[in-house]
Amino acid sequence: MSNTPANHGTSARAPYRVDISKGQNISRVSSEWFARPADERFLSLDDLYARVLARGQAASTRIVESRAIEVRAASSDGGRLELLAPGGGQPVAPTNWSFGQLCSLVSTPATYLRQLPAALAGINLQHGLLSHRGEHVKLLETWEGRTELRAVTGPDYGRIWDHELVSAVMRIAGNGTGDTRWKVPGVLDWSSMTYNPHVDVTSETTTLYASDRDVFVFLVDDTNPIEAGKLPDGDPDLYFRGFYCWNSEVGSKTLGIATFYLRAVCMNRNLWGVENFEEISIRHSKFAANRFAEQAAPALMHFANSSARSFVEGVRTARERRVARTDEDRATFLRGRGFSKVDTSRIIAAVLEEEGHPPSSLYDFVQGITAVARSKSHQDERLEYETRARRILERAN
């Protein structure tokens, strides 16, 4: 399938000027970037895929009775625990994550047990398994020099493999470093407020991550910016497409995909000037694999290859649609959408400061609401305001 959607891109030269005072600021990718050590950073989707595919191919699963699991100190290393489970000839070493899952199963505090000598921790965990109501659990084991227990989940856990998600991304993004229009993002120059999409992919700039418990990918189409109207000084207001996705085959998080338009990515991998943010997530329930095949992967493909016409026309229409001409109109518009008197005043003041005139169009109100949302310290409240702003923008279509 083509990786070149008809997106009405501009011929702007790189680096190009952007106005990040508009839209949302999203820090999810930055949080990932800060948290990832060197061995969790990859310089291409090819390398990332090879890593997660290899561990997937080395994995096996089996369902056992929880009370039949034997816990003991490892014979080769008395400072570690190992488990024996029915159907396995060799002991398995729990990872930090699977140990926590096993403790959670029997309502035993994992943090406390990790502080105990291995033999004593094993006695406590064994007691928990024997006294707990017996139930079936699904074990995920991987051979990497030794047999490791990577996950302990319910028997109906619907595993979506990390390599399945990465493979879906590669079908639209190639290696993620420029062989298609989708790539690791460039960087914003704060001194000139210009965005340069052409930045070498290094361990410091990459947005391709995987650990022993998850995978996370963020890519953009930033060499093909989209013009959606003009800035107050007459320069084009430029956006580009972006998406990030994540998964955990061991149960630490859902599978999810977020798509959006944005204006810039800074060196710390914060997203600036985000519009039309949409997110879907899939729990690893019994039919998760089917939902991934039927919903998530096609949604990502559709976003990557669809036209940006509706987005561009929506922004332009919102700029042109006047919904308020007087202060009374402005207050009525915002109060009628659930904003308090205080926030109504703040939204109007934000537009005055950023645009140089009181809000009159749908787009003015959207920008004012997202500006106030950025000041909210609680994420839930911030997301609520941003959702209201998106709904107002949707009225333009």
Protein backbone atom coordinates (compact mmCIF):
# COMPACT_ATOMS: atom_id res chain seq x y z
CA MET A 1 0.00 0.00 0.00
CA SER A 2 1.20 3.52 -0.76
CA ASN A 3 2.96 5.49 1.94
CA THR A 4 2.19 8.77 0.18
CA PRO A 5 -1.27 10.05 1.12
CA ALA A 6 -2.71 13.08 -0.62
CA ASN A 7 -2.21 15.41 2.31
CA HIS A 8 -1.98 18.77 0.56
CA GLY A 9 1.50 19.26 1.96
CA THR A 10 3.33 22.52 1.53
CA SER A 11 6.60 23.13 -0.27
CA ALA A 12 8.04 24.95 2.76
CA ARG A 13 11.78 24.54 3.07
CA ALA A 14 13.29 22.97 6.15
CA PRO A 15 13.78 24.17 8.76
CA TYR A 16 10.39 25.90 8.74
CA ARG A 17 8.82 28.35 11.15
CA VAL A 18 6.14 27.10 13.57
CA ASP A 19 3.83 28.68 16.14
CA ILE A 20 3.64 26.38 19.16
CA SER A 21 1.42 28.72 21.18
CA LYS A 22 -1.55 27.00 19.53
CA GLY A 23 -2.93 23.57 20.39
CA GLN A 24 -1.96 21.19 23.17
CA ASN A 25 1.36 20.28 24.74
CA ILE A 26 1.63 16.50 25.26
CA SER A 27 4.44 15.06 27.38
CA ARG A 28 3.82 11.32 27.01
CA VAL A 29 6.71 10.77 24.58
CA SER A 30 9.01 12.93 26.71
CA SER A 31 8.25 10.77 29.75
CA GLU A 32 9.26 7.70 27.77
CA TRP A 33 12.40 9.43 26.49
CA PHE A 34 13.55 10.40 29.99
CA ALA A 35 12.90 6.94 31.44
CA ARG A 36 14.68 4.79 28.85
CA PRO A 37 18.26 3.63 29.50
CA ALA A 38 20.62 3.06 26.57
CA ASP A 39 19.80 -0.64 26.16
CA GLU A 40 16.09 0.18 25.64
CA ARG A 41 16.73 2.63 22.77
CA PHE A 42 16.83 1.49 19.14
CA LEU A 43 17.99 3.35 16.04
CA SER A 44 15.64 1.72 13.54
CA LEU A 45 12.45 -0.30 13.42
CA ASP A 46 14.49 -3.13 11.89
CA ASP A 47 16.63 -3.38 15.03
CA LEU A 48 13.65 -3.00 17.33
CA TYR A 49 11.70 -5.68 15.48
CA ALA A 50 14.62 -8.10 15.53
CA ARG A 51 14.87 -7.78 19.30
CA VAL A 52 11.19 -8.26 20.14
CA LEU A 53 10.71 -10.97 17.49
CA ALA A 54 13.63 -13.01 18.87
CA ARG A 55 12.24 -13.01 22.39
CA GLY A 56 8.77 -13.82 21.07
CA GLN A 57 10.08 -16.78 19.11
CA ALA A 58 11.99 -18.02 22.15
CA ALA A 59 8.86 -17.88 24.31
CA SER A 60 6.41 -20.58 25.30
CA THR A 61 3.23 -20.56 27.38
CA ARG A 62 1.48 -23.08 29.55
CA ILE A 63 -1.42 -23.06 31.97
CA VAL A 64 -0.86 -24.53 35.42
CA GLU A 65 -2.56 -24.74 38.79
CA SER A 66 -1.24 -21.95 41.01
CA ARG A 67 -0.97 -24.19 44.09
CA ALA A 68 1.19 -26.63 42.13
CA ILE A 69 4.00 -24.06 41.69
CA GLU A 70 7.01 -24.81 43.89
CA VAL A 71 9.14 -21.89 45.10
CA ARG A 72 12.72 -22.36 46.30
CA ALA A 73 16.08 -20.66 46.52
CA ALA A 74 18.12 -21.26 43.36
CA SER A 75 20.68 -24.04 43.79
CA SER A 76 23.28 -22.16 41.75
CA ASP A 77 22.68 -18.81 43.45
CA GLY A 78 21.20 -18.77 46.93
CA GLY A 79 20.40 -15.08 46.55
CA ARG A 80 17.78 -15.76 43.88
CA LEU A 81 14.48 -17.59 43.71
CA GLU A 82 13.48 -20.18 41.16
CA LEU A 83 10.18 -21.86 40.43
CA LEU A 84 9.18 -25.36 39.43
CA ALA A 85 5.83 -25.75 37.70
CA PRO A 86 3.99 -28.78 36.29
CA GLY A 87 4.90 -29.59 32.71
CA GLY A 88 8.38 -28.06 32.89
CA GLY A 89 11.50 -30.09 33.40
CA GLN A 90 13.75 -27.19 34.35
CA PRO A 91 13.35 -24.53 37.06
CA VAL A 92 12.50 -21.03 35.85
CA ALA A 93 13.82 -17.73 37.18
CA PRO A 94 11.14 -15.08 37.71
CA THR A 95 11.85 -11.59 36.40
CA ASN A 96 11.21 -8.62 38.63
CA TRP A 97 7.90 -8.09 36.80
CA SER A 98 6.63 -11.68 36.94
CA PHE A 99 7.62 -11.94 40.61
CA GLY A 100 5.39 -8.94 41.28
CA GLN A 101 2.54 -10.54 39.33
CA LEU A 102 2.87 -13.76 41.32
CA CYS A 103 2.85 -11.85 44.60
CA SER A 104 -0.19 -9.88 43.50
CA LEU A 105 -2.01 -13.12 42.68
CA VAL A 106 -1.78 -14.25 46.31
CA SER A 107 -2.09 -10.75 47.83
CA THR A 108 1.47 -10.76 49.13
CA PRO A 109 3.45 -7.47 49.19
CA ALA A 110 6.19 -7.85 46.57
CA THR A 111 8.20 -4.89 47.87
CA TYR A 112 8.45 -6.49 51.31
CA LEU A 113 9.45 -9.92 49.96
CA ARG A 114 12.19 -8.41 47.78
CA GLN A 115 13.85 -7.11 50.95
CA LEU A 116 14.04 -10.55 52.52
CA PRO A 117 16.72 -13.21 51.97
CA ALA A 118 15.73 -15.44 49.04
CA ALA A 119 15.05 -18.49 51.21
CA LEU A 120 12.75 -16.57 53.55
CA ALA A 121 10.99 -14.80 50.66
CA GLY A 122 10.45 -18.20 49.04
CA ILE A 123 8.86 -19.62 52.19
CA ASN A 124 6.45 -16.68 52.40
CA LEU A 125 5.52 -16.86 48.72
CA GLN A 126 5.10 -20.64 48.87
CA HIS A 127 2.77 -20.26 51.86
CA GLY A 128 0.75 -17.70 49.90
CA LEU A 129 0.40 -20.02 46.92
CA LEU A 130 -0.65 -23.01 49.04
CA SER A 131 -3.15 -21.10 51.18
CA HIS A 132 -4.59 -19.04 48.34
CA ARG A 133 -7.66 -20.29 46.52
CA GLY A 134 -6.27 -22.45 43.75
CA GLU A 135 -6.74 -21.18 40.22
CA HIS A 136 -5.25 -21.63 36.79
CA VAL A 137 -2.60 -19.17 35.62
CA LYS A 138 -0.85 -18.73 32.29
CA LEU A 139 2.95 -18.68 32.43
CA LEU A 140 5.05 -16.99 29.75
CA GLU A 141 8.59 -18.38 29.69
CA THR A 142 11.55 -17.40 27.54
CA TRP A 143 14.88 -19.11 27.08
CA GLU A 144 17.73 -16.55 27.00
CA GLY A 145 20.69 -18.42 28.41
CA ARG A 146 18.38 -19.67 31.13
CA THR A 147 14.63 -20.13 31.37
CA GLU A 148 13.00 -16.94 32.61
CA LEU A 149 9.43 -16.53 33.75
CA ARG A 150 8.39 -13.27 32.07
CA ALA A 151 4.70 -13.13 32.99
CA VAL A 152 2.01 -14.69 35.17
CA THR A 153 -1.48 -13.86 33.93
CA GLY A 154 -4.99 -15.25 33.98
CA PRO A 155 -5.71 -18.20 31.68
CA ASP A 156 -7.82 -16.04 29.33
CA TYR A 157 -5.17 -13.35 28.92
CA GLY A 158 -5.26 -12.33 25.25
CA ARG A 159 -1.61 -11.75 24.42
CA ILE A 160 -0.73 -9.38 21.61
CA TRP A 161 2.97 -9.86 20.94
CA ASP A 162 5.20 -6.79 20.86
CA HIS A 163 6.57 -7.88 17.48
CA GLU A 164 3.03 -7.92 16.06
CA LEU A 165 2.61 -4.23 16.84
CA VAL A 166 6.07 -3.34 15.50
CA SER A 167 5.34 -5.34 12.33
CA ALA A 168 2.10 -3.36 11.81
CA VAL A 169 4.05 -0.11 12.14
CA MET A 170 6.74 -1.31 9.70
CA ARG A 171 4.09 -1.94 7.03
CA ILE A 172 3.59 1.83 6.81
CA ALA A 173 6.91 3.15 8.09
CA GLY A 174 9.62 0.84 6.77
CA ASN A 175 12.63 1.14 9.05
CA GLY A 176 11.37 4.41 10.56
CA THR A 177 14.48 6.37 9.62
CA GLY A 178 13.51 7.87 6.28
CA ASP A 179 12.90 5.11 3.73
CA THR A 180 9.21 6.17 3.84
CA ARG A 181 7.61 9.46 4.81
CA TRP A 182 7.23 8.17 8.41
CA LYS A 183 10.32 8.65 10.55
CA VAL A 184 11.81 9.48 13.93
CA PRO A 185 11.06 13.20 14.49
CA GLY A 186 13.35 16.17 14.04
CA VAL A 187 13.79 18.91 16.60
CA LEU A 188 12.54 22.42 17.43
CA ASP A 189 15.09 25.26 17.58
CA TRP A 190 13.85 27.47 20.42
CA SER A 191 16.05 30.40 19.44
CA SER A 192 14.49 30.82 16.00
CA MET A 193 11.19 28.98 16.61
CA THR A 194 11.86 26.86 13.54
CA TYR A 195 11.47 23.12 13.23
CA ASN A 196 14.09 21.01 11.48
CA PRO A 197 12.89 17.54 10.44
CA HIS A 198 16.35 16.44 9.32
CA VAL A 199 18.12 15.22 12.46
CA ASP A 200 20.36 12.16 12.72
CA VAL A 201 18.85 9.25 14.60
CA THR A 202 21.01 8.64 17.67
CA SER A 203 20.42 7.17 21.11
CA GLU A 204 19.56 10.71 22.25
CA THR A 205 17.07 11.51 19.50
CA THR A 206 15.44 8.13 18.85
CA THR A 207 11.81 7.50 19.76
CA LEU A 208 11.90 3.72 19.29
CA TYR A 209 11.94 1.91 22.63
CA ALA A 210 11.59 -1.57 24.09
CA SER A 211 12.23 -3.03 27.53
CA ASP A 212 11.73 -6.51 28.95
CA ARG A 213 8.11 -5.60 29.59
CA ASP A 214 6.95 -3.23 26.83
CA VAL A 215 7.48 -1.52 23.48
CA PHE A 216 6.84 2.12 22.51
CA VAL A 217 7.15 3.78 19.08
CA PHE A 218 6.66 7.44 18.07
CA LEU A 219 6.93 8.50 14.41
CA VAL A 220 6.03 11.57 12.38
CA ASP A 221 5.59 12.73 8.79
CA ASP A 222 7.46 15.99 9.37
CA THR A 223 9.11 16.42 5.95
CA ASN A 224 5.66 17.03 4.45
CA PRO A 225 4.13 19.83 6.53
CA ILE A 226 0.49 20.73 5.99
CA GLU A 227 -0.67 24.32 5.73
CA ALA A 228 -4.00 24.95 7.49
CA GLY A 229 -4.54 28.69 7.23
CA LYS A 230 -2.32 31.61 8.10
CA LEU A 231 -0.77 33.00 11.25
CA PRO A 232 -1.58 36.60 12.28
CA ASP A 233 1.58 37.83 10.49
CA GLY A 234 0.58 36.10 7.26
CA ASP A 235 3.02 33.17 7.51
CA PRO A 236 1.56 29.68 6.92
CA ASP A 237 0.35 27.79 9.98
CA LEU A 238 2.14 24.46 9.49
CA TYR A 239 1.30 21.07 10.97
CA PHE A 240 2.48 17.54 10.38
CA ARG A 241 1.10 14.11 11.21
CA GLY A 242 2.28 12.00 14.10
CA PHE A 243 1.38 8.87 16.02
CA TYR A 244 2.67 6.85 18.90
CA CYS A 245 1.77 3.33 19.96
CA TRP A 246 2.61 1.02 22.82
CA ASN A 247 2.11 -2.53 24.01
CA SER A 248 3.13 -4.98 26.71
CA GLU A 249 3.06 -8.67 25.97
CA VAL A 250 3.60 -9.41 29.67
CA GLY A 251 0.61 -7.45 30.97
CA SER A 252 2.14 -4.24 32.31
CA LYS A 253 -0.09 -2.07 30.10
CA THR A 254 -2.71 -2.17 27.36
CA LEU A 255 -2.06 -1.93 23.66
CA GLY A 256 -2.76 1.59 22.41
CA ILE A 257 -2.42 3.91 19.45
CA ALA A 258 -2.66 7.71 19.49
CA THR A 259 -2.85 9.77 16.28
CA PHE A 260 -2.69 13.55 15.95
CA TYR A 261 -1.43 16.58 14.08
CA LEU A 262 1.32 18.64 15.67
CA ARG A 263 3.57 21.59 14.97
CA ALA A 264 6.87 20.63 16.60
CA VAL A 265 8.85 18.17 18.74
CA CYS A 266 11.54 19.58 21.02
CA MET A 267 14.83 17.92 21.98
CA ASN A 268 13.22 16.51 25.14
CA ARG A 269 10.57 14.91 22.90
CA ASN A 270 7.68 17.03 24.14
CA LEU A 271 4.95 17.44 21.52
CA TRP A 272 3.92 21.02 20.81
CA GLY A 273 0.89 22.50 19.06
CA VAL A 274 -1.05 19.23 19.00
CA GLU A 275 -4.50 19.16 17.33
CA ASN A 276 -7.05 16.41 16.66
CA PHE A 277 -5.61 14.01 19.22
CA GLU A 278 -7.34 10.61 19.04
CA GLU A 279 -6.52 7.52 21.07
CA ILE A 280 -7.68 3.93 21.13
CA SER A 281 -6.61 1.22 23.57
CA ILE A 282 -7.19 -2.51 23.73
CA ARG A 283 -7.07 -4.51 26.94
CA HIS A 284 -5.42 -7.91 26.74
CA SER A 285 -8.70 -9.74 27.22
CA LYS A 286 -9.69 -13.01 25.63
CA PHE A 287 -10.32 -11.59 22.14
CA ALA A 288 -7.61 -8.91 22.18
CA ALA A 289 -5.73 -10.36 19.21
CA ASN A 290 -8.87 -10.23 17.08
CA ARG A 291 -9.56 -6.65 18.10
CA PHE A 292 -5.99 -5.68 17.19
CA ALA A 293 -6.36 -7.25 13.75
CA GLU A 294 -9.81 -5.77 13.15
CA GLN A 295 -9.51 -2.33 14.78
CA ALA A 296 -6.12 -1.03 15.84
CA ALA A 297 -3.91 -2.05 12.91
CA PRO A 298 -6.45 -0.89 10.25
CA ALA A 299 -6.97 2.40 12.13
CA LEU A 300 -3.24 3.09 12.03
CA MET A 301 -3.04 2.21 8.34
CA HIS A 302 -6.01 4.46 7.57
CA PHE A 303 -4.47 7.43 9.40
CA ALA A 304 -1.14 6.93 7.65
CA ASN A 305 -2.61 6.82 4.17
CA SER A 306 -5.69 9.04 4.33
CA SER A 307 -5.99 12.59 3.05
CA ALA A 308 -5.58 15.49 5.47
CA ARG A 309 -8.27 17.42 3.59
CA SER A 310 -10.90 17.09 6.32
CA PHE A 311 -8.45 18.31 8.97
CA VAL A 312 -7.33 21.28 6.89
CA GLU A 313 -10.87 22.25 5.94
CA GLY A 314 -12.01 21.84 9.55
CA VAL A 315 -9.36 24.25 10.81
CA ARG A 316 -10.06 26.76 8.06
CA THR A 317 -13.80 26.61 8.61
CA ALA A 318 -13.35 27.04 12.36
CA ARG A 319 -11.22 30.13 11.72
CA GLU A 320 -13.93 31.60 9.52
CA ARG A 321 -17.04 30.72 11.56
CA ARG A 322 -17.92 33.64 13.80
CA VAL A 323 -19.92 32.66 16.87
CA ALA A 324 -19.49 35.72 19.09
CA ARG A 325 -19.36 39.46 18.43
CA THR A 326 -19.85 40.96 21.89
CA ASP A 327 -18.59 40.24 25.40
CA GLU A 328 -22.04 38.92 26.25
CA ASP A 329 -21.88 36.54 23.26
CA ARG A 330 -18.49 35.26 24.41
CA ALA A 331 -19.61 34.63 27.98
CA THR A 332 -22.81 32.95 26.80
CA PHE A 333 -20.88 30.70 24.39
CA LEU A 334 -18.46 29.47 27.06
CA ARG A 335 -20.86 29.28 30.01
CA GLY A 336 -23.24 27.29 27.83
CA ARG A 337 -20.47 24.70 27.40
CA GLY A 338 -19.92 24.22 31.11
CA PHE A 339 -17.06 26.64 31.78
CA SER A 340 -17.06 28.49 35.08
CA LYS A 341 -17.16 32.26 35.28
CA VAL A 342 -13.49 32.33 36.27
CA ASP A 343 -12.35 30.10 33.41
CA THR A 344 -14.55 32.00 30.96
CA SER A 345 -12.60 35.14 31.84
CA ARG A 346 -9.28 33.28 31.59
CA ILE A 347 -10.12 31.81 28.18
CA ILE A 348 -11.06 35.21 26.78
CA ALA A 349 -7.91 36.77 28.29
CA ALA A 350 -5.73 34.01 26.78
CA VAL A 351 -7.04 34.74 23.28
CA LEU A 352 -6.51 38.46 23.77
CA GLU A 353 -2.91 37.82 24.80
CA GLU A 354 -2.06 35.31 22.08
CA GLU A 355 -4.14 36.60 19.15
CA GLY A 356 -4.39 40.31 19.95
CA HIS A 357 -8.20 40.34 19.77
CA PRO A 358 -11.10 38.90 21.78
CA PRO A 359 -12.38 35.49 20.64
CA SER A 360 -14.98 35.54 17.91
CA SER A 361 -14.48 32.39 15.79
CA LEU A 362 -14.74 28.75 16.84
CA TYR A 363 -11.01 28.46 16.35
CA ASP A 364 -10.36 31.42 18.69
CA PHE A 365 -12.30 29.70 21.46
CA VAL A 366 -10.51 26.39 20.85
CA GLN A 367 -7.12 28.09 21.19
CA GLY A 368 -8.18 29.88 24.36
CA ILE A 369 -9.49 26.69 25.95
CA THR A 370 -6.32 24.72 25.15
CA ALA A 371 -4.21 27.59 26.51
CA VAL A 372 -6.09 27.41 29.82
CA ALA A 373 -5.87 23.60 29.76
CA ARG A 374 -2.08 23.83 29.68
CA SER A 375 -2.18 25.63 33.03
CA LYS A 376 -4.13 22.86 34.76
CA SER A 377 -1.93 20.86 37.11
CA HIS A 378 -4.12 17.75 37.18
CA GLN A 379 -4.02 15.59 34.07
CA ASP A 380 -7.67 14.54 34.24
CA GLU A 381 -8.82 18.15 34.37
CA ARG A 382 -6.47 19.09 31.54
CA LEU A 383 -7.76 16.26 29.36
CA GLU A 384 -11.36 17.27 30.07
CA TYR A 385 -10.70 20.80 28.82
CA GLU A 386 -8.87 19.54 25.75
CA THR A 387 -11.77 17.21 24.97
CA ARG A 388 -14.19 20.13 25.15
CA ALA A 389 -11.96 22.09 22.78
CA ARG A 390 -11.91 19.21 20.29
CA ARG A 391 -15.68 18.93 20.37
CA ILE A 392 -16.00 22.61 19.57
CA LEU A 393 -13.60 22.23 16.64
CA GLU A 394 -15.61 19.26 15.38
CA ARG A 395 -18.61 21.57 15.04
CA ALA A 396 -16.83 23.22 12.14
CA ASN A 397 -17.09 20.07 10.01
